[in-house]
Amino acid sequence: MEREGVKLLGHWASPYALRVKWALNLKGIEYEYHEEDLPNKSSLLLHSNPVHKKIPVLIHKGKPIAESLVILEYIDEVWKQNSLLPDDPYERAQARFWAKFADEKCVPAIMNTFSKIGEEQEKSAKEARENLKTLESGLNGKCCFGVEKIGFTDIAAAWIGCWGRIVEEIVNIKLIDEDTMPVLSAWFKYVLENPILKECVPPYQKLLEHNKSFHKILLAAAST
């Protein structure tokens, strides 16, 4: 498929940039990828996202779109093939709800488990497990949120299955329990093993080492 002037500004270790790659690849959209050096952000990034100055940014026909969930909806509206959001308005609302729940409830609790120590860390881990269990309820026993195929919520949230495991390994705290969250665990595996999506995910060991270094920086900052 023709590129149509599509460029993605991202970073290899960003799950939010990964979301956008997943959406583009599932829809078969060719694009030019630009890897950002986050400590030295490019003028293109700063110009394209002057409000937050963050990745990812999708540039389509010279026009920039920021914020990964907004980008996902834009992609789905512009390129109709392999739709991410369901046709039914209620189901679309549900997809948006669970994607937002993952971002606003699951991710912060997991991140706090990663960055805190002591009682704060234990509290965050408990909150993360509770929120992940709630996220599981949204599946209603299905293999994915997209019902018949991988869709918007799956793309928005399934990366937690990889990054969550990395957090578990670094801080030695269990967050995703296959015994108490069997449907959620099966969902992570189902989505992350999809060949189109799997090829976009960075090597686990590379991600692990990157996040180990990030963890040391966070702990050092917390102790000063």
N, C-alpha and C. Protein backbone atom coordinates (compact mmCIF):
# COMPACT_ATOMS: atom_id res chain seq x y z
N MET A 1 0.85 -1.20 0.00
CA MET A 1 0.00 0.00 0.00
C MET A 1 0.88 1.25 0.00
N GLU A 2 0.45 2.26 -0.70
CA GLU A 2 1.21 3.50 -0.78
C GLU A 2 1.31 4.18 0.57
N ARG A 3 2.43 4.83 0.83
CA ARG A 3 2.66 5.43 2.13
C ARG A 3 1.74 6.60 2.43
N GLU A 4 1.35 7.34 1.45
CA GLU A 4 0.47 8.50 1.65
C GLU A 4 1.08 9.53 2.60
N GLY A 5 2.39 9.63 2.61
CA GLY A 5 3.04 10.62 3.46
C GLY A 5 2.87 10.36 4.93
N VAL A 6 3.06 9.11 5.37
CA VAL A 6 2.88 8.74 6.76
C VAL A 6 4.24 8.58 7.44
N LYS A 7 4.42 9.28 8.54
CA LYS A 7 5.67 9.19 9.31
C LYS A 7 5.31 9.02 10.78
N LEU A 8 6.05 8.16 11.46
CA LEU A 8 5.87 7.96 12.89
C LEU A 8 7.13 8.33 13.64
N LEU A 9 7.00 9.24 14.59
CA LEU A 9 8.10 9.60 15.48
C LEU A 9 7.93 8.79 16.76
N GLY A 10 8.92 8.00 17.09
CA GLY A 10 8.78 7.14 18.26
C GLY A 10 10.10 6.84 18.93
N HIS A 11 10.05 5.89 19.86
CA HIS A 11 11.24 5.41 20.54
C HIS A 11 11.09 3.91 20.70
N TRP A 12 12.16 3.18 20.50
CA TRP A 12 12.07 1.72 20.42
C TRP A 12 11.50 1.09 21.68
N ALA A 13 11.72 1.70 22.85
CA ALA A 13 11.29 1.11 24.12
C ALA A 13 9.95 1.64 24.61
N SER A 14 9.29 2.45 23.81
CA SER A 14 8.03 3.05 24.24
C SER A 14 6.84 2.16 23.88
N PRO A 15 6.07 1.73 24.88
CA PRO A 15 4.87 0.96 24.56
C PRO A 15 3.80 1.79 23.85
N TYR A 16 3.86 3.10 24.01
CA TYR A 16 2.89 3.97 23.38
C TYR A 16 3.19 4.11 21.88
N ALA A 17 4.47 4.15 21.53
CA ALA A 17 4.83 4.11 20.12
C ALA A 17 4.52 2.73 19.53
N LEU A 18 4.70 1.69 20.34
CA LEU A 18 4.40 0.33 19.89
C LEU A 18 2.94 0.19 19.51
N ARG A 19 2.05 0.80 20.29
CA ARG A 19 0.62 0.78 19.96
C ARG A 19 0.38 1.25 18.53
N VAL A 20 1.02 2.34 18.19
CA VAL A 20 0.80 2.93 16.87
C VAL A 20 1.37 2.03 15.78
N LYS A 21 2.54 1.47 16.04
CA LYS A 21 3.12 0.52 15.07
C LYS A 21 2.15 -0.64 14.86
N TRP A 22 1.59 -1.16 15.94
CA TRP A 22 0.65 -2.27 15.84
C TRP A 22 -0.53 -1.91 14.94
N ALA A 23 -1.10 -0.74 15.19
CA ALA A 23 -2.26 -0.32 14.40
C ALA A 23 -1.92 -0.17 12.92
N LEU A 24 -0.80 0.48 12.64
CA LEU A 24 -0.39 0.68 11.25
C LEU A 24 -0.13 -0.66 10.56
N ASN A 25 0.54 -1.56 11.27
CA ASN A 25 0.87 -2.85 10.66
C ASN A 25 -0.35 -3.73 10.46
N LEU A 26 -1.27 -3.71 11.42
CA LEU A 26 -2.49 -4.51 11.26
C LEU A 26 -3.31 -4.04 10.07
N LYS A 27 -3.25 -2.75 9.81
CA LYS A 27 -4.02 -2.20 8.68
C LYS A 27 -3.23 -2.23 7.36
N GLY A 28 -1.97 -2.66 7.44
CA GLY A 28 -1.17 -2.74 6.23
C GLY A 28 -0.76 -1.40 5.67
N ILE A 29 -0.57 -0.42 6.55
CA ILE A 29 -0.21 0.94 6.12
C ILE A 29 1.32 1.08 6.15
N GLU A 30 1.90 1.42 5.04
CA GLU A 30 3.33 1.67 5.00
C GLU A 30 3.62 3.05 5.58
N TYR A 31 4.73 3.13 6.30
CA TYR A 31 5.08 4.40 6.94
C TYR A 31 6.58 4.51 7.12
N GLU A 32 7.02 5.73 7.26
CA GLU A 32 8.43 6.00 7.55
C GLU A 32 8.58 6.16 9.06
N TYR A 33 9.49 5.40 9.64
CA TYR A 33 9.68 5.47 11.09
C TYR A 33 10.91 6.30 11.42
N HIS A 34 10.74 7.21 12.38
CA HIS A 34 11.86 8.05 12.83
C HIS A 34 12.11 7.79 14.31
N GLU A 35 13.26 7.22 14.63
CA GLU A 35 13.63 6.93 16.01
C GLU A 35 14.13 8.20 16.69
N GLU A 36 13.48 8.58 17.79
CA GLU A 36 13.86 9.79 18.52
C GLU A 36 14.89 9.47 19.61
N ASP A 37 15.85 10.36 19.73
CA ASP A 37 16.79 10.33 20.86
C ASP A 37 16.15 11.22 21.93
N LEU A 38 15.50 10.61 22.92
CA LEU A 38 14.66 11.39 23.84
C LEU A 38 15.41 12.44 24.65
N PRO A 39 16.66 12.20 25.06
CA PRO A 39 17.37 13.29 25.75
C PRO A 39 17.70 14.46 24.82
N ASN A 40 17.70 14.18 23.51
CA ASN A 40 18.01 15.22 22.52
C ASN A 40 16.94 15.19 21.42
N LYS A 41 15.77 15.66 21.77
CA LYS A 41 14.62 15.55 20.88
C LYS A 41 14.84 16.38 19.61
N SER A 42 14.39 15.80 18.53
CA SER A 42 14.57 16.45 17.24
C SER A 42 13.69 17.70 17.12
N SER A 43 14.11 18.59 16.25
CA SER A 43 13.31 19.79 16.00
C SER A 43 11.96 19.40 15.40
N LEU A 44 11.95 18.30 14.65
CA LEU A 44 10.70 17.83 14.06
C LEU A 44 9.71 17.43 15.15
N LEU A 45 10.18 16.72 16.19
CA LEU A 45 9.30 16.34 17.29
C LEU A 45 8.81 17.56 18.05
N LEU A 46 9.71 18.46 18.38
CA LEU A 46 9.34 19.65 19.14
C LEU A 46 8.36 20.53 18.38
N HIS A 47 8.51 20.55 17.07
CA HIS A 47 7.59 21.34 16.24
C HIS A 47 6.25 20.62 16.09
N SER A 48 6.31 19.28 16.00
CA SER A 48 5.10 18.51 15.76
C SER A 48 4.24 18.35 17.00
N ASN A 49 4.86 18.34 18.16
CA ASN A 49 4.11 18.20 19.42
C ASN A 49 4.60 19.26 20.41
N PRO A 50 4.31 20.53 20.14
CA PRO A 50 4.83 21.61 21.00
C PRO A 50 4.19 21.64 22.38
N VAL A 51 3.04 21.02 22.55
CA VAL A 51 2.36 21.05 23.85
C VAL A 51 3.05 20.12 24.85
N HIS A 52 3.19 18.84 24.48
CA HIS A 52 3.77 17.86 25.40
C HIS A 52 5.21 17.50 25.08
N LYS A 53 5.62 17.74 23.84
CA LYS A 53 7.00 17.43 23.40
C LYS A 53 7.34 15.96 23.63
N LYS A 54 6.37 15.08 23.40
CA LYS A 54 6.56 13.65 23.63
C LYS A 54 6.25 12.84 22.37
N ILE A 55 6.79 11.62 22.37
CA ILE A 55 6.40 10.66 21.35
C ILE A 55 5.28 9.81 21.94
N PRO A 56 4.50 9.16 21.08
CA PRO A 56 4.61 9.14 19.63
C PRO A 56 3.87 10.30 18.98
N VAL A 57 4.30 10.60 17.77
CA VAL A 57 3.59 11.55 16.92
C VAL A 57 3.45 10.91 15.55
N LEU A 58 2.25 10.92 15.03
CA LEU A 58 2.01 10.47 13.66
C LEU A 58 1.89 11.70 12.78
N ILE A 59 2.63 11.72 11.69
CA ILE A 59 2.53 12.82 10.73
C ILE A 59 1.95 12.26 9.45
N HIS A 60 0.80 12.78 9.06
CA HIS A 60 0.12 12.31 7.86
C HIS A 60 -0.12 13.49 6.93
N LYS A 61 0.48 13.42 5.76
CA LYS A 61 0.37 14.50 4.78
C LYS A 61 0.79 15.84 5.39
N GLY A 62 1.84 15.78 6.21
CA GLY A 62 2.40 16.98 6.81
C GLY A 62 1.71 17.47 8.06
N LYS A 63 0.63 16.80 8.45
CA LYS A 63 -0.12 17.23 9.63
C LYS A 63 0.16 16.27 10.81
N PRO A 64 0.59 16.80 11.97
CA PRO A 64 0.93 15.94 13.10
C PRO A 64 -0.27 15.63 14.00
N ILE A 65 -0.30 14.41 14.49
CA ILE A 65 -1.31 13.99 15.47
C ILE A 65 -0.55 13.40 16.66
N ALA A 66 -0.85 13.90 17.86
CA ALA A 66 -0.16 13.45 19.07
C ALA A 66 -1.11 12.66 19.96
N GLU A 67 -0.53 11.99 20.97
CA GLU A 67 -1.23 11.15 21.94
C GLU A 67 -1.66 9.83 21.30
N SER A 68 -1.15 8.74 21.85
CA SER A 68 -1.28 7.45 21.17
C SER A 68 -2.72 6.99 20.97
N LEU A 69 -3.59 7.16 21.97
CA LEU A 69 -4.97 6.72 21.78
C LEU A 69 -5.69 7.57 20.73
N VAL A 70 -5.37 8.85 20.70
CA VAL A 70 -5.94 9.73 19.68
C VAL A 70 -5.45 9.29 18.30
N ILE A 71 -4.17 8.92 18.23
CA ILE A 71 -3.59 8.46 16.97
C ILE A 71 -4.28 7.19 16.49
N LEU A 72 -4.54 6.26 17.43
CA LEU A 72 -5.22 5.02 17.05
C LEU A 72 -6.58 5.30 16.43
N GLU A 73 -7.33 6.21 17.04
CA GLU A 73 -8.65 6.54 16.49
C GLU A 73 -8.52 7.23 15.12
N TYR A 74 -7.52 8.08 14.99
CA TYR A 74 -7.29 8.75 13.70
C TYR A 74 -7.00 7.72 12.61
N ILE A 75 -6.11 6.79 12.92
CA ILE A 75 -5.75 5.75 11.95
C ILE A 75 -6.99 4.97 11.53
N ASP A 76 -7.83 4.65 12.51
CA ASP A 76 -9.02 3.85 12.21
C ASP A 76 -10.04 4.62 11.37
N GLU A 77 -10.08 5.93 11.55
CA GLU A 77 -11.02 6.75 10.78
C GLU A 77 -10.53 7.00 9.36
N VAL A 78 -9.23 7.15 9.19
CA VAL A 78 -8.68 7.48 7.87
C VAL A 78 -8.57 6.24 6.99
N TRP A 79 -8.09 5.14 7.57
CA TRP A 79 -7.92 3.91 6.80
C TRP A 79 -8.96 2.90 7.28
N LYS A 80 -9.95 2.65 6.47
CA LYS A 80 -11.11 1.88 6.88
C LYS A 80 -10.87 0.37 6.94
N GLN A 81 -9.86 -0.14 6.22
CA GLN A 81 -9.63 -1.58 6.19
C GLN A 81 -9.23 -2.10 7.57
N ASN A 82 -9.63 -3.34 7.86
CA ASN A 82 -9.29 -3.98 9.14
C ASN A 82 -9.61 -3.07 10.33
N SER A 83 -10.85 -2.68 10.45
CA SER A 83 -11.26 -1.72 11.47
C SER A 83 -10.88 -2.17 12.87
N LEU A 84 -10.47 -1.21 13.69
CA LEU A 84 -10.07 -1.47 15.07
C LEU A 84 -11.25 -1.32 16.03
N LEU A 85 -12.06 -0.30 15.79
CA LEU A 85 -13.24 -0.08 16.62
C LEU A 85 -14.46 -0.75 15.99
N PRO A 86 -15.32 -1.34 16.82
CA PRO A 86 -16.51 -2.01 16.27
C PRO A 86 -17.51 -1.02 15.68
N ASP A 87 -18.41 -1.51 14.87
CA ASP A 87 -19.42 -0.65 14.24
C ASP A 87 -20.47 -0.19 15.24
N ASP A 88 -20.83 -1.06 16.17
CA ASP A 88 -21.88 -0.74 17.13
C ASP A 88 -21.42 0.38 18.09
N PRO A 89 -22.20 1.45 18.25
CA PRO A 89 -21.80 2.57 19.11
C PRO A 89 -21.52 2.17 20.55
N TYR A 90 -22.34 1.26 21.10
CA TYR A 90 -22.12 0.82 22.48
C TYR A 90 -20.80 0.08 22.59
N GLU A 91 -20.53 -0.81 21.65
CA GLU A 91 -19.28 -1.56 21.69
C GLU A 91 -18.08 -0.64 21.50
N ARG A 92 -18.23 0.40 20.68
CA ARG A 92 -17.14 1.37 20.52
C ARG A 92 -16.88 2.09 21.84
N ALA A 93 -17.96 2.46 22.52
CA ALA A 93 -17.81 3.13 23.82
C ALA A 93 -17.11 2.22 24.82
N GLN A 94 -17.47 0.93 24.81
CA GLN A 94 -16.84 -0.03 25.71
C GLN A 94 -15.35 -0.17 25.42
N ALA A 95 -15.01 -0.19 24.15
CA ALA A 95 -13.60 -0.31 23.77
C ALA A 95 -12.80 0.88 24.28
N ARG A 96 -13.36 2.07 24.12
CA ARG A 96 -12.69 3.28 24.60
C ARG A 96 -12.59 3.27 26.13
N PHE A 97 -13.65 2.80 26.79
CA PHE A 97 -13.66 2.77 28.25
C PHE A 97 -12.53 1.89 28.78
N TRP A 98 -12.39 0.69 28.24
CA TRP A 98 -11.37 -0.23 28.77
C TRP A 98 -9.96 0.21 28.41
N ALA A 99 -9.79 0.84 27.27
CA ALA A 99 -8.48 1.38 26.92
C ALA A 99 -8.09 2.49 27.90
N LYS A 100 -9.06 3.33 28.22
CA LYS A 100 -8.81 4.42 29.17
C LYS A 100 -8.58 3.87 30.57
N PHE A 101 -9.32 2.83 30.94
CA PHE A 101 -9.14 2.21 32.26
C PHE A 101 -7.72 1.66 32.39
N ALA A 102 -7.24 1.00 31.36
CA ALA A 102 -5.88 0.46 31.40
C ALA A 102 -4.86 1.58 31.58
N ASP A 103 -5.04 2.67 30.85
CA ASP A 103 -4.09 3.79 30.92
C ASP A 103 -4.14 4.51 32.27
N GLU A 104 -5.34 4.70 32.79
CA GLU A 104 -5.49 5.54 33.98
C GLU A 104 -5.44 4.78 35.30
N LYS A 105 -5.68 3.45 35.26
CA LYS A 105 -5.70 2.66 36.49
C LYS A 105 -4.59 1.62 36.54
N CYS A 106 -4.49 0.82 35.49
CA CYS A 106 -3.51 -0.27 35.51
C CYS A 106 -2.07 0.24 35.39
N VAL A 107 -1.82 1.07 34.39
CA VAL A 107 -0.46 1.51 34.13
C VAL A 107 0.14 2.32 35.29
N PRO A 108 -0.56 3.30 35.87
CA PRO A 108 0.03 4.04 36.99
C PRO A 108 0.37 3.15 38.19
N ALA A 109 -0.50 2.18 38.49
CA ALA A 109 -0.24 1.29 39.63
C ALA A 109 0.98 0.41 39.36
N ILE A 110 1.11 -0.08 38.14
CA ILE A 110 2.28 -0.88 37.78
C ILE A 110 3.54 -0.02 37.82
N MET A 111 3.43 1.19 37.32
CA MET A 111 4.58 2.10 37.32
C MET A 111 5.02 2.45 38.74
N ASN A 112 4.07 2.64 39.64
CA ASN A 112 4.40 2.93 41.03
C ASN A 112 5.04 1.72 41.71
N THR A 113 4.61 0.53 41.33
CA THR A 113 5.26 -0.68 41.85
C THR A 113 6.71 -0.72 41.40
N PHE A 114 6.95 -0.24 40.21
CA PHE A 114 8.29 -0.21 39.63
C PHE A 114 9.18 0.85 40.28
N SER A 115 8.57 1.98 40.65
CA SER A 115 9.38 3.14 41.07
C SER A 115 9.42 3.37 42.58
N LYS A 116 8.49 2.75 43.34
CA LYS A 116 8.44 2.96 44.78
C LYS A 116 9.15 1.83 45.53
N ILE A 117 9.30 2.03 46.84
CA ILE A 117 9.88 1.00 47.69
C ILE A 117 9.05 0.89 48.97
N GLY A 118 9.24 -0.21 49.71
CA GLY A 118 8.60 -0.36 51.01
C GLY A 118 7.09 -0.45 50.93
N GLU A 119 6.44 0.20 51.89
CA GLU A 119 4.98 0.13 51.99
C GLU A 119 4.28 0.72 50.77
N GLU A 120 4.84 1.79 50.23
CA GLU A 120 4.24 2.40 49.03
C GLU A 120 4.25 1.42 47.87
N GLN A 121 5.33 0.67 47.75
CA GLN A 121 5.43 -0.31 46.68
C GLN A 121 4.42 -1.44 46.87
N GLU A 122 4.30 -1.92 48.10
CA GLU A 122 3.35 -2.99 48.40
C GLU A 122 1.92 -2.54 48.12
N LYS A 123 1.61 -1.32 48.51
CA LYS A 123 0.27 -0.78 48.26
C LYS A 123 0.00 -0.67 46.76
N SER A 124 1.01 -0.21 46.01
CA SER A 124 0.85 -0.07 44.56
C SER A 124 0.68 -1.41 43.88
N ALA A 125 1.43 -2.41 44.35
CA ALA A 125 1.32 -3.76 43.77
C ALA A 125 -0.07 -4.33 44.00
N LYS A 126 -0.60 -4.12 45.19
CA LYS A 126 -1.95 -4.60 45.50
C LYS A 126 -2.97 -3.92 44.59
N GLU A 127 -2.79 -2.61 44.42
CA GLU A 127 -3.69 -1.85 43.56
C GLU A 127 -3.58 -2.31 42.11
N ALA A 128 -2.35 -2.60 41.67
CA ALA A 128 -2.14 -3.06 40.30
C ALA A 128 -2.85 -4.39 40.06
N ARG A 129 -2.73 -5.31 41.01
CA ARG A 129 -3.38 -6.61 40.85
C ARG A 129 -4.90 -6.47 40.82
N GLU A 130 -5.42 -5.60 41.67
CA GLU A 130 -6.88 -5.38 41.69
C GLU A 130 -7.36 -4.78 40.37
N ASN A 131 -6.60 -3.82 39.85
CA ASN A 131 -7.00 -3.17 38.61
C ASN A 131 -6.87 -4.11 37.41
N LEU A 132 -5.84 -4.94 37.42
CA LEU A 132 -5.69 -5.92 36.35
C LEU A 132 -6.83 -6.94 36.38
N LYS A 133 -7.25 -7.31 37.58
CA LYS A 133 -8.38 -8.23 37.71
C LYS A 133 -9.66 -7.58 37.17
N THR A 134 -9.82 -6.29 37.43
CA THR A 134 -10.96 -5.57 36.88
C THR A 134 -10.89 -5.52 35.36
N LEU A 135 -9.69 -5.26 34.84
CA LEU A 135 -9.51 -5.26 33.38
C LEU A 135 -9.91 -6.61 32.80
N GLU A 136 -9.56 -7.68 33.49
CA GLU A 136 -9.92 -9.02 33.03
C GLU A 136 -11.43 -9.17 32.89
N SER A 137 -12.17 -8.54 33.80
CA SER A 137 -13.64 -8.67 33.75
C SER A 137 -14.21 -8.12 32.45
N GLY A 138 -13.51 -7.17 31.85
CA GLY A 138 -13.97 -6.58 30.59
C GLY A 138 -13.91 -7.55 29.42
N LEU A 139 -13.13 -8.61 29.57
CA LEU A 139 -13.02 -9.60 28.50
C LEU A 139 -14.24 -10.52 28.45
N ASN A 140 -14.92 -10.67 29.59
CA ASN A 140 -16.09 -11.55 29.66
C ASN A 140 -15.79 -12.95 29.15
N GLY A 141 -14.57 -13.43 29.45
CA GLY A 141 -14.19 -14.78 29.06
C GLY A 141 -13.73 -14.92 27.62
N LYS A 142 -13.73 -13.82 26.84
CA LYS A 142 -13.34 -13.88 25.44
C LYS A 142 -11.82 -13.91 25.29
N CYS A 143 -11.37 -14.28 24.10
CA CYS A 143 -9.92 -14.32 23.85
C CYS A 143 -9.34 -12.93 23.64
N CYS A 144 -10.18 -11.97 23.26
CA CYS A 144 -9.69 -10.60 23.09
C CYS A 144 -10.86 -9.62 23.21
N PHE A 145 -10.54 -8.37 23.43
CA PHE A 145 -11.57 -7.34 23.57
C PHE A 145 -12.29 -7.09 22.25
N GLY A 146 -11.59 -7.37 21.15
CA GLY A 146 -12.19 -7.14 19.84
C GLY A 146 -13.23 -8.17 19.45
N VAL A 147 -13.56 -9.07 20.36
CA VAL A 147 -14.58 -10.12 20.19
C VAL A 147 -14.14 -11.13 19.13
N GLU A 148 -14.21 -10.77 17.88
CA GLU A 148 -13.88 -11.72 16.81
C GLU A 148 -12.45 -11.55 16.29
N LYS A 149 -11.84 -10.42 16.56
CA LYS A 149 -10.48 -10.17 16.10
C LYS A 149 -9.83 -9.12 16.99
N ILE A 150 -8.54 -9.03 16.92
CA ILE A 150 -7.81 -8.04 17.71
C ILE A 150 -8.26 -6.65 17.29
N GLY A 151 -8.59 -5.82 18.29
CA GLY A 151 -9.11 -4.49 18.01
C GLY A 151 -8.48 -3.40 18.86
N PHE A 152 -9.21 -2.33 19.01
CA PHE A 152 -8.72 -1.11 19.64
C PHE A 152 -8.16 -1.34 21.06
N THR A 153 -8.95 -1.95 21.92
CA THR A 153 -8.52 -2.15 23.31
C THR A 153 -7.34 -3.09 23.40
N ASP A 154 -7.34 -4.11 22.56
CA ASP A 154 -6.23 -5.06 22.55
C ASP A 154 -4.92 -4.36 22.20
N ILE A 155 -4.97 -3.53 21.17
CA ILE A 155 -3.79 -2.77 20.76
C ILE A 155 -3.38 -1.77 21.84
N ALA A 156 -4.37 -1.18 22.49
CA ALA A 156 -4.09 -0.15 23.49
C ALA A 156 -3.47 -0.72 24.76
N ALA A 157 -3.83 -1.95 25.14
CA ALA A 157 -3.47 -2.42 26.48
C ALA A 157 -2.65 -3.70 26.56
N ALA A 158 -2.59 -4.49 25.51
CA ALA A 158 -1.93 -5.80 25.63
C ALA A 158 -0.43 -5.71 25.87
N TRP A 159 0.18 -4.57 25.56
CA TRP A 159 1.61 -4.42 25.84
C TRP A 159 1.93 -4.57 27.33
N ILE A 160 0.92 -4.36 28.19
CA ILE A 160 1.10 -4.52 29.63
C ILE A 160 1.57 -5.95 29.95
N GLY A 161 1.15 -6.90 29.13
CA GLY A 161 1.55 -8.29 29.35
C GLY A 161 3.04 -8.49 29.24
N CYS A 162 3.71 -7.69 28.42
CA CYS A 162 5.17 -7.76 28.29
C CYS A 162 5.87 -6.87 29.32
N TRP A 163 5.48 -5.60 29.38
CA TRP A 163 6.14 -4.67 30.30
C TRP A 163 5.85 -5.05 31.76
N GLY A 164 4.66 -5.60 32.02
CA GLY A 164 4.35 -6.03 33.38
C GLY A 164 5.26 -7.13 33.85
N ARG A 165 5.59 -8.06 32.95
CA ARG A 165 6.52 -9.14 33.30
C ARG A 165 7.91 -8.60 33.61
N ILE A 166 8.30 -7.58 32.88
CA ILE A 166 9.60 -6.96 33.12
C ILE A 166 9.64 -6.31 34.49
N VAL A 167 8.57 -5.62 34.86
CA VAL A 167 8.47 -5.02 36.19
C VAL A 167 8.55 -6.11 37.26
N GLU A 168 7.83 -7.19 37.06
CA GLU A 168 7.86 -8.31 38.01
C GLU A 168 9.28 -8.82 38.21
N GLU A 169 10.01 -8.97 37.12
CA GLU A 169 11.36 -9.51 37.22
C GLU A 169 12.32 -8.56 37.91
N ILE A 170 12.16 -7.27 37.65
CA ILE A 170 13.08 -6.29 38.23
C ILE A 170 12.84 -6.09 39.72
N VAL A 171 11.57 -5.98 40.13
CA VAL A 171 11.27 -5.69 41.54
C VAL A 171 10.91 -6.95 42.34
N ASN A 172 10.82 -8.08 41.63
CA ASN A 172 10.54 -9.37 42.29
C ASN A 172 9.20 -9.36 43.02
N ILE A 173 8.18 -8.85 42.34
CA ILE A 173 6.82 -8.84 42.87
C ILE A 173 5.87 -9.35 41.78
N LYS A 174 5.04 -10.31 42.14
CA LYS A 174 4.11 -10.88 41.17
C LYS A 174 2.92 -9.95 40.97
N LEU A 175 2.63 -9.64 39.72
CA LEU A 175 1.49 -8.78 39.40
C LEU A 175 0.44 -9.50 38.56
N ILE A 176 0.90 -10.28 37.60
CA ILE A 176 0.00 -10.99 36.68
C ILE A 176 0.04 -12.47 37.05
N ASP A 177 -0.96 -12.92 37.76
CA ASP A 177 -1.02 -14.30 38.26
C ASP A 177 -1.91 -15.15 37.36
N GLU A 178 -1.33 -16.16 36.74
CA GLU A 178 -2.10 -17.00 35.83
C GLU A 178 -3.21 -17.78 36.54
N ASP A 179 -3.02 -18.04 37.84
CA ASP A 179 -4.03 -18.79 38.59
C ASP A 179 -5.25 -17.92 38.91
N THR A 180 -5.01 -16.67 39.32
CA THR A 180 -6.11 -15.79 39.69
C THR A 180 -6.61 -14.93 38.53
N MET A 181 -5.80 -14.85 37.45
CA MET A 181 -6.18 -14.07 36.27
C MET A 181 -5.99 -14.91 35.01
N PRO A 182 -6.63 -16.06 34.92
CA PRO A 182 -6.39 -16.95 33.77
C PRO A 182 -6.83 -16.37 32.44
N VAL A 183 -7.95 -15.65 32.44
CA VAL A 183 -8.46 -15.08 31.18
C VAL A 183 -7.55 -13.95 30.72
N LEU A 184 -7.11 -13.12 31.66
CA LEU A 184 -6.21 -12.01 31.32
C LEU A 184 -4.88 -12.55 30.80
N SER A 185 -4.35 -13.55 31.47
CA SER A 185 -3.08 -14.14 31.05
C SER A 185 -3.18 -14.75 29.66
N ALA A 186 -4.31 -15.43 29.39
CA ALA A 186 -4.52 -16.01 28.07
C ALA A 186 -4.65 -14.93 27.01
N TRP A 187 -5.30 -13.80 27.38
CA TRP A 187 -5.45 -12.68 26.46
C TRP A 187 -4.10 -12.09 26.08
N PHE A 188 -3.25 -11.85 27.10
CA PHE A 188 -1.92 -11.32 26.82
C PHE A 188 -1.20 -12.22 25.81
N LYS A 189 -1.24 -13.51 26.06
CA LYS A 189 -0.54 -14.46 25.18
C LYS A 189 -1.14 -14.44 23.78
N TYR A 190 -2.46 -14.42 23.68
CA TYR A 190 -3.14 -14.43 22.39
C TYR A 190 -2.74 -13.23 21.54
N VAL A 191 -2.74 -12.05 22.15
CA VAL A 191 -2.43 -10.83 21.39
C VAL A 191 -0.94 -10.73 21.08
N LEU A 192 -0.12 -10.98 22.08
CA LEU A 192 1.33 -10.81 21.91
C LEU A 192 1.95 -11.85 20.99
N GLU A 193 1.25 -12.98 20.81
CA GLU A 193 1.76 -14.02 19.91
C GLU A 193 1.25 -13.83 18.47
N ASN A 194 0.39 -12.84 18.26
CA ASN A 194 -0.04 -12.57 16.89
C ASN A 194 1.20 -12.22 16.05
N PRO A 195 1.42 -12.89 14.93
CA PRO A 195 2.66 -12.68 14.17
C PRO A 195 2.90 -11.23 13.76
N ILE A 196 1.85 -10.53 13.34
CA ILE A 196 2.02 -9.15 12.90
C ILE A 196 2.45 -8.26 14.06
N LEU A 197 1.89 -8.51 15.25
CA LEU A 197 2.23 -7.70 16.41
C LEU A 197 3.55 -8.11 17.03
N LYS A 198 3.78 -9.41 17.07
CA LYS A 198 4.98 -9.94 17.72
C LYS A 198 6.26 -9.40 17.10
N GLU A 199 6.25 -9.23 15.77
CA GLU A 199 7.46 -8.77 15.10
C GLU A 199 7.82 -7.33 15.46
N CYS A 200 6.86 -6.58 16.00
CA CYS A 200 7.11 -5.18 16.38
C CYS A 200 7.69 -5.06 17.79
N VAL A 201 7.50 -6.08 18.63
CA VAL A 201 7.91 -5.99 20.03
C VAL A 201 9.42 -6.13 20.14
N PRO A 202 10.09 -5.20 20.84
CA PRO A 202 11.54 -5.31 20.99
C PRO A 202 11.92 -6.59 21.72
N PRO A 203 13.14 -7.08 21.53
CA PRO A 203 13.59 -8.28 22.24
C PRO A 203 13.45 -8.11 23.75
N TYR A 204 12.96 -9.15 24.41
CA TYR A 204 12.68 -9.07 25.84
C TYR A 204 13.93 -8.69 26.64
N GLN A 205 15.05 -9.31 26.33
CA GLN A 205 16.26 -9.05 27.11
C GLN A 205 16.73 -7.61 26.95
N LYS A 206 16.57 -7.08 25.74
CA LYS A 206 16.95 -5.68 25.51
C LYS A 206 16.05 -4.75 26.31
N LEU A 207 14.76 -5.04 26.33
CA LEU A 207 13.82 -4.24 27.12
C LEU A 207 14.12 -4.36 28.61
N LEU A 208 14.45 -5.57 29.03
CA LEU A 208 14.75 -5.80 30.44
C LEU A 208 15.95 -4.97 30.88
N GLU A 209 17.03 -5.01 30.12
CA GLU A 209 18.25 -4.26 30.48
C GLU A 209 17.98 -2.76 30.46
N HIS A 210 17.22 -2.31 29.49
CA HIS A 210 16.86 -0.88 29.40
C HIS A 210 16.10 -0.44 30.65
N ASN A 211 15.13 -1.26 31.07
CA ASN A 211 14.31 -0.90 32.23
C ASN A 211 15.03 -1.10 33.55
N LYS A 212 15.99 -1.99 33.59
CA LYS A 212 16.84 -2.11 34.78
C LYS A 212 17.61 -0.81 35.00
N SER A 213 18.15 -0.27 33.93
CA SER A 213 18.88 0.99 34.03
C SER A 213 17.95 2.13 34.45
N PHE A 214 16.76 2.15 33.88
CA PHE A 214 15.76 3.16 34.23
C PHE A 214 15.37 3.04 35.69
N HIS A 215 15.23 1.81 36.17
CA HIS A 215 14.86 1.56 37.56
C HIS A 215 15.93 2.12 38.51
N LYS A 216 17.18 1.92 38.19
CA LYS A 216 18.28 2.44 39.01
C LYS A 216 18.24 3.97 39.07
N ILE A 217 17.93 4.58 37.95
CA ILE A 217 17.84 6.05 37.91
C ILE A 217 16.71 6.54 38.81
N LEU A 218 15.56 5.86 38.75
CA LEU A 218 14.41 6.24 39.57
C LEU A 218 14.71 6.09 41.06
N LEU A 219 15.35 5.00 41.42
CA LEU A 219 15.67 4.77 42.83
C LEU A 219 16.70 5.78 43.34
N ALA A 220 17.66 6.10 42.49
CA ALA A 220 18.69 7.08 42.88
C ALA A 220 18.05 8.45 43.08
N ALA A 221 17.11 8.80 42.21
CA ALA A 221 16.43 10.10 42.32
C ALA A 221 15.57 10.14 43.58
N ALA A 222 14.96 9.00 43.93
CA ALA A 222 14.10 8.93 45.11
C ALA A 222 14.86 9.04 46.40
N SER A 223 16.14 8.65 46.37
CA SER A 223 16.93 8.64 47.61
C SER A 223 17.65 9.96 47.86
N THR A 224 17.59 10.88 46.89
CA THR A 224 18.27 12.16 47.07
C THR A 224 17.33 13.19 47.70
